[in-house]
Amino acid sequence: MQGTIATFDAGTHSGTLLLDDGSELVFGAQAFARSGLRLLRLGQRVSIEAEPDGQVRRVAIPGIA
């Protein structure tokens, strides 16, 4: 699943993303920590891995492992 970063708080490492279908999804610090990234910027394109319950497990930049 892919989307665009709508908000990102560099202090808490959490934020929201806008999915391609127009829905908004919240991600927490753990999902960001699993990405291995140091920061995200607004408007950045990302892919996500989600749990069966819809909770974001990992945020990643498409094409980067």
N, C-alpha and C. Protein backbone atom coordinates (compact mmCIF):
# COMPACT_ATOMS: atom_id res chain seq x y z
N MET A 1 0.85 -1.16 0.00
CA MET A 1 0.00 0.00 0.00
C MET A 1 0.90 1.24 0.00
N GLN A 2 0.48 2.28 -0.70
CA GLN A 2 1.30 3.49 -0.78
C GLN A 2 0.47 4.72 -0.47
N GLY A 3 1.17 5.77 -0.08
CA GLY A 3 0.52 7.03 0.22
C GLY A 3 1.54 8.15 0.31
N THR A 4 1.09 9.29 0.82
CA THR A 4 1.91 10.49 0.92
C THR A 4 1.88 10.99 2.36
N ILE A 5 3.02 11.43 2.87
CA ILE A 5 3.09 11.94 4.23
C ILE A 5 2.29 13.23 4.32
N ALA A 6 1.29 13.25 5.22
CA ALA A 6 0.46 14.44 5.42
C ALA A 6 0.97 15.25 6.60
N THR A 7 1.37 14.56 7.68
CA THR A 7 1.95 15.22 8.85
C THR A 7 3.06 14.34 9.39
N PHE A 8 4.07 14.96 10.00
CA PHE A 8 5.13 14.21 10.66
C PHE A 8 5.70 15.07 11.77
N ASP A 9 5.71 14.54 12.99
CA ASP A 9 6.27 15.24 14.14
C ASP A 9 7.65 14.64 14.41
N ALA A 10 8.69 15.42 14.15
CA ALA A 10 10.06 14.93 14.30
C ALA A 10 10.38 14.61 15.76
N GLY A 11 9.67 15.22 16.70
CA GLY A 11 9.90 14.96 18.12
C GLY A 11 9.35 13.62 18.57
N THR A 12 8.14 13.30 18.13
CA THR A 12 7.50 12.04 18.56
C THR A 12 7.69 10.92 17.54
N HIS A 13 8.15 11.28 16.33
CA HIS A 13 8.33 10.32 15.23
C HIS A 13 7.02 9.64 14.83
N SER A 14 5.94 10.37 14.92
CA SER A 14 4.64 9.85 14.50
C SER A 14 4.01 10.84 13.53
N GLY A 15 2.97 10.38 12.85
CA GLY A 15 2.33 11.27 11.89
C GLY A 15 1.15 10.61 11.22
N THR A 16 0.74 11.21 10.11
CA THR A 16 -0.36 10.67 9.33
C THR A 16 0.04 10.64 7.86
N LEU A 17 -0.58 9.74 7.15
CA LEU A 17 -0.35 9.71 5.71
C LEU A 17 -1.68 9.61 4.99
N LEU A 18 -1.69 10.13 3.80
CA LEU A 18 -2.87 10.12 2.96
C LEU A 18 -2.69 9.00 1.93
N LEU A 19 -3.55 7.99 2.03
CA LEU A 19 -3.46 6.85 1.12
C LEU A 19 -3.97 7.23 -0.27
N ASP A 20 -3.63 6.43 -1.24
CA ASP A 20 -4.03 6.70 -2.62
C ASP A 20 -5.54 6.72 -2.80
N ASP A 21 -6.27 6.03 -1.91
CA ASP A 21 -7.73 6.03 -2.03
C ASP A 21 -8.38 7.23 -1.34
N GLY A 22 -7.54 8.14 -0.79
CA GLY A 22 -8.03 9.35 -0.15
C GLY A 22 -8.23 9.25 1.35
N SER A 23 -8.09 8.05 1.90
CA SER A 23 -8.26 7.91 3.34
C SER A 23 -6.97 8.29 4.07
N GLU A 24 -7.14 8.69 5.33
CA GLU A 24 -6.00 9.10 6.15
C GLU A 24 -5.69 7.98 7.14
N LEU A 25 -4.41 7.76 7.38
CA LEU A 25 -3.98 6.69 8.26
C LEU A 25 -2.90 7.22 9.18
N VAL A 26 -3.03 6.93 10.47
CA VAL A 26 -2.07 7.38 11.47
C VAL A 26 -0.98 6.32 11.63
N PHE A 27 0.27 6.77 11.80
CA PHE A 27 1.34 5.84 12.12
C PHE A 27 2.08 6.34 13.36
N GLY A 28 2.55 5.39 14.16
CA GLY A 28 3.22 5.73 15.40
C GLY A 28 4.73 5.64 15.30
N ALA A 29 5.38 5.92 16.40
CA ALA A 29 6.84 5.93 16.47
C ALA A 29 7.44 4.56 16.14
N GLN A 30 6.79 3.48 16.54
CA GLN A 30 7.32 2.14 16.25
C GLN A 30 7.38 1.88 14.76
N ALA A 31 6.35 2.28 14.03
CA ALA A 31 6.33 2.09 12.57
C ALA A 31 7.44 2.89 11.92
N PHE A 32 7.68 4.10 12.43
CA PHE A 32 8.77 4.92 11.90
C PHE A 32 10.12 4.29 12.25
N ALA A 33 10.28 3.82 13.48
CA ALA A 33 11.55 3.21 13.90
C ALA A 33 11.90 2.00 13.05
N ARG A 34 10.92 1.22 12.66
CA ARG A 34 11.16 0.05 11.82
C ARG A 34 11.61 0.41 10.41
N SER A 35 11.41 1.66 10.02
CA SER A 35 11.77 2.09 8.68
C SER A 35 13.28 2.23 8.50
N GLY A 36 13.98 2.53 9.59
CA GLY A 36 15.41 2.79 9.50
C GLY A 36 15.73 4.18 8.99
N LEU A 37 14.70 5.00 8.78
CA LEU A 37 14.89 6.36 8.28
C LEU A 37 15.17 7.31 9.44
N ARG A 38 15.71 8.48 9.12
CA ARG A 38 15.96 9.49 10.16
C ARG A 38 14.88 10.54 10.19
N LEU A 39 14.21 10.78 9.07
CA LEU A 39 13.14 11.76 9.04
C LEU A 39 12.26 11.53 7.83
N LEU A 40 11.10 12.13 7.86
CA LEU A 40 10.18 12.12 6.74
C LEU A 40 9.79 13.57 6.48
N ARG A 41 9.49 13.90 5.23
CA ARG A 41 9.07 15.26 4.92
C ARG A 41 7.65 15.24 4.35
N LEU A 42 6.95 16.32 4.57
CA LEU A 42 5.58 16.43 4.07
C LEU A 42 5.57 16.26 2.56
N GLY A 43 4.62 15.50 2.08
CA GLY A 43 4.49 15.25 0.65
C GLY A 43 5.34 14.11 0.14
N GLN A 44 6.16 13.53 1.02
CA GLN A 44 7.03 12.43 0.59
C GLN A 44 6.20 11.18 0.33
N ARG A 45 6.50 10.50 -0.74
CA ARG A 45 5.82 9.27 -1.13
C ARG A 45 6.38 8.12 -0.30
N VAL A 46 5.51 7.32 0.29
CA VAL A 46 5.94 6.19 1.11
C VAL A 46 5.10 4.96 0.81
N SER A 47 5.64 3.82 1.16
CA SER A 47 4.86 2.58 1.16
C SER A 47 4.75 2.15 2.61
N ILE A 48 3.71 1.40 2.92
CA ILE A 48 3.53 0.94 4.29
C ILE A 48 3.25 -0.55 4.32
N GLU A 49 3.62 -1.12 5.43
CA GLU A 49 3.23 -2.49 5.75
C GLU A 49 2.24 -2.36 6.90
N ALA A 50 1.10 -3.01 6.79
CA ALA A 50 0.07 -2.90 7.82
C ALA A 50 -0.22 -4.27 8.43
N GLU A 51 -0.64 -4.24 9.69
CA GLU A 51 -1.10 -5.44 10.39
C GLU A 51 -2.49 -5.79 9.87
N PRO A 52 -2.96 -7.01 10.12
CA PRO A 52 -4.31 -7.38 9.68
C PRO A 52 -5.40 -6.45 10.20
N ASP A 53 -5.17 -5.84 11.38
CA ASP A 53 -6.18 -4.93 11.94
C ASP A 53 -6.08 -3.52 11.36
N GLY A 54 -5.15 -3.30 10.42
CA GLY A 54 -5.01 -2.01 9.76
C GLY A 54 -3.97 -1.10 10.37
N GLN A 55 -3.43 -1.47 11.53
CA GLN A 55 -2.40 -0.65 12.17
C GLN A 55 -1.13 -0.69 11.33
N VAL A 56 -0.49 0.47 11.16
CA VAL A 56 0.73 0.56 10.37
C VAL A 56 1.88 -0.09 11.13
N ARG A 57 2.53 -1.04 10.47
CA ARG A 57 3.65 -1.75 11.08
C ARG A 57 4.98 -1.10 10.71
N ARG A 58 5.10 -0.62 9.46
CA ARG A 58 6.36 -0.07 8.99
C ARG A 58 6.08 0.93 7.87
N VAL A 59 6.82 2.03 7.91
CA VAL A 59 6.77 3.05 6.86
C VAL A 59 8.08 2.96 6.10
N ALA A 60 8.04 2.99 4.78
CA ALA A 60 9.28 2.87 3.98
C ALA A 60 9.18 3.75 2.73
N ILE A 61 10.32 4.07 2.19
CA ILE A 61 10.36 4.79 0.93
C ILE A 61 10.34 3.75 -0.19
N PRO A 62 9.43 3.86 -1.14
CA PRO A 62 9.36 2.86 -2.23
C PRO A 62 10.71 2.71 -2.94
N GLY A 63 11.10 1.47 -3.14
CA GLY A 63 12.36 1.18 -3.83
C GLY A 63 13.56 1.11 -2.92
N ILE A 64 13.38 1.46 -1.63
CA ILE A 64 14.48 1.36 -0.67
C ILE A 64 14.08 0.33 0.38
N ALA A 65 14.91 -0.68 0.55
CA ALA A 65 14.59 -1.77 1.46
C ALA A 65 14.53 -1.37 2.90
